[in-house]
């Protein structure tokens, strides 16, 4: 389930502007993630009751490094 959770969260967050995650819209986004997860969880006889983001990290890699280099 953890792999499915990560995938669904990334898919949904990729559709949203970062500012939406810091606004009241966040609850709607989490509801969308929970709905998508429940479709997958039902295949395993499980139900997702709540989804929350506790921590986020910036991705590693070339685009991020390029941005840092440009800022320098």
C-alpha atoms as a PDB file:
ATOM      1  CA  UNK A   1       0.000   0.000   0.000  1.00  0.00           C
ATOM      2  CA  UNK A   2       2.872   2.391   0.721  1.00  0.00           C
ATOM      3  CA  UNK A   3       4.047   2.288  -2.897  1.00  0.00           C
ATOM      4  CA  UNK A   4       0.529   2.969  -4.124  1.00  0.00           C
ATOM      5  CA  UNK A   5       0.160   5.808  -1.620  1.00  0.00           C
ATOM      6  CA  UNK A   6       3.370   7.496  -2.750  1.00  0.00           C
ATOM      7  CA  UNK A   7       2.409   7.132  -6.390  1.00  0.00           C
ATOM      8  CA  UNK A   8      -1.072   8.583  -5.936  1.00  0.00           C
ATOM      9  CA  UNK A   9       0.205  11.476  -3.807  1.00  0.00           C
ATOM     10  CA  UNK A  10       2.858  12.342  -6.402  1.00  0.00           C
ATOM     11  CA  UNK A  11       0.336  12.110  -9.230  1.00  0.00           C
ATOM     12  CA  UNK A  12      -2.105  14.438  -7.518  1.00  0.00           C
ATOM     13  CA  UNK A  13       0.507  16.911  -6.261  1.00  0.00           C
ATOM     14  CA  UNK A  14       1.998  17.094  -9.743  1.00  0.00           C
ATOM     15  CA  UNK A  15      -1.306  18.503 -10.970  1.00  0.00           C
ATOM     16  CA  UNK A  16      -1.403  21.280  -8.369  1.00  0.00           C
ATOM     17  CA  UNK A  17       0.502  24.542  -7.979  1.00  0.00           C
ATOM     18  CA  UNK A  18       2.632  24.626  -4.839  1.00  0.00           C
ATOM     19  CA  UNK A  19       0.617  27.541  -3.424  1.00  0.00           C
ATOM     20  CA  UNK A  20      -2.516  25.361  -3.401  1.00  0.00           C
ATOM     21  CA  UNK A  21      -0.858  23.095  -0.838  1.00  0.00           C
ATOM     22  CA  UNK A  22      -0.532  26.037   1.528  1.00  0.00           C
ATOM     23  CA  UNK A  23      -4.089  27.212   1.125  1.00  0.00           C
ATOM     24  CA  UNK A  24      -7.552  26.003   2.168  1.00  0.00           C
ATOM     25  CA  UNK A  25      -7.622  24.115  -1.173  1.00  0.00           C
ATOM     26  CA  UNK A  26      -5.286  21.580   0.432  1.00  0.00           C
ATOM     27  CA  UNK A  27      -8.178  19.657   1.980  1.00  0.00           C
ATOM     28  CA  UNK A  28      -9.776  19.182  -1.428  1.00  0.00           C
ATOM     29  CA  UNK A  29      -6.478  17.918  -2.810  1.00  0.00           C
ATOM     30  CA  UNK A  30      -6.145  15.426   0.052  1.00  0.00           C
ATOM     31  CA  UNK A  31      -9.729  14.303  -0.530  1.00  0.00           C
ATOM     32  CA  UNK A  32      -8.888  13.663  -4.187  1.00  0.00           C
ATOM     33  CA  UNK A  33      -5.848  11.620  -3.151  1.00  0.00           C
ATOM     34  CA  UNK A  34      -7.937   9.628  -0.660  1.00  0.00           C
ATOM     35  CA  UNK A  35     -10.580   8.909  -3.303  1.00  0.00           C
ATOM     36  CA  UNK A  36      -7.959   7.657  -5.768  1.00  0.00           C
ATOM     37  CA  UNK A  37      -6.310   5.570  -3.054  1.00  0.00           C
ATOM     38  CA  UNK A  38      -9.597   3.987  -2.031  1.00  0.00           C
ATOM     39  CA  UNK A  39     -10.061   2.674  -5.553  1.00  0.00           C
ATOM     40  CA  UNK A  40      -6.710   0.882  -5.265  1.00  0.00           C
ATOM     41  CA  UNK A  41      -7.182  -0.116  -1.615  1.00  0.00           C
ATOM     42  CA  UNK A  42     -10.527  -1.772  -2.341  1.00  0.00           C
ATOM     43  CA  UNK A  43      -8.650  -4.391  -4.374  1.00  0.00           C
ATOM     44  CA  UNK A  44      -6.918  -5.418  -1.132  1.00  0.00           C
ATOM     45  CA  UNK A  45     -10.019  -5.213   1.049  1.00  0.00           C
ATOM     46  CA  UNK A  46      -8.807  -2.000   2.713  1.00  0.00           C
ATOM     47  CA  UNK A  47     -10.211   1.488   3.087  1.00  0.00           C
ATOM     48  CA  UNK A  48      -8.277   4.757   3.418  1.00  0.00           C
ATOM     49  CA  UNK A  49      -9.857   7.072   5.965  1.00  0.00           C
ATOM     50  CA  UNK A  50      -7.466  10.026   5.954  1.00  0.00           C
ATOM     51  CA  UNK A  51      -4.495  11.321   3.979  1.00  0.00           C
ATOM     52  CA  UNK A  52      -2.150  14.032   5.249  1.00  0.00           C
ATOM     53  CA  UNK A  53       1.175  15.388   4.125  1.00  0.00           C
ATOM     54  CA  UNK A  54       3.568  15.639   7.043  1.00  0.00           C
ATOM     55  CA  UNK A  55       6.775  16.399   5.167  1.00  0.00           C
ATOM     56  CA  UNK A  56       7.876  17.337   1.670  1.00  0.00           C
ATOM     57  CA  UNK A  57      11.330  17.336   0.129  1.00  0.00           C
ATOM     58  CA  UNK A  58      12.574  18.950  -3.042  1.00  0.00           C
ATOM     59  CA  UNK A  59      13.551  16.448  -5.702  1.00  0.00           C
ATOM     60  CA  UNK A  60      17.217  15.767  -6.321  1.00  0.00           C
ATOM     61  CA  UNK A  61      18.614  15.965  -9.780  1.00  0.00           C
ATOM     62  CA  UNK A  62      19.675  18.073 -12.684  1.00  0.00           C
ATOM     63  CA  UNK A  63      16.740  20.547 -12.892  1.00  0.00           C
ATOM     64  CA  UNK A  64      17.174  21.492  -9.247  1.00  0.00           C
ATOM     65  CA  UNK A  65      20.952  21.761  -9.553  1.00  0.00           C
ATOM     66  CA  UNK A  66      20.557  23.909 -12.676  1.00  0.00           C
ATOM     67  CA  UNK A  67      18.268  26.263 -10.797  1.00  0.00           C
ATOM     68  CA  UNK A  68      20.761  26.584  -7.940  1.00  0.00           C
ATOM     69  CA  UNK A  69      23.603  27.205 -10.372  1.00  0.00           C
ATOM     70  CA  UNK A  70      21.609  29.929 -12.112  1.00  0.00           C
ATOM     71  CA  UNK A  71      20.936  31.611  -8.803  1.00  0.00           C
ATOM     72  CA  UNK A  72      24.644  31.569  -7.937  1.00  0.00           C
END
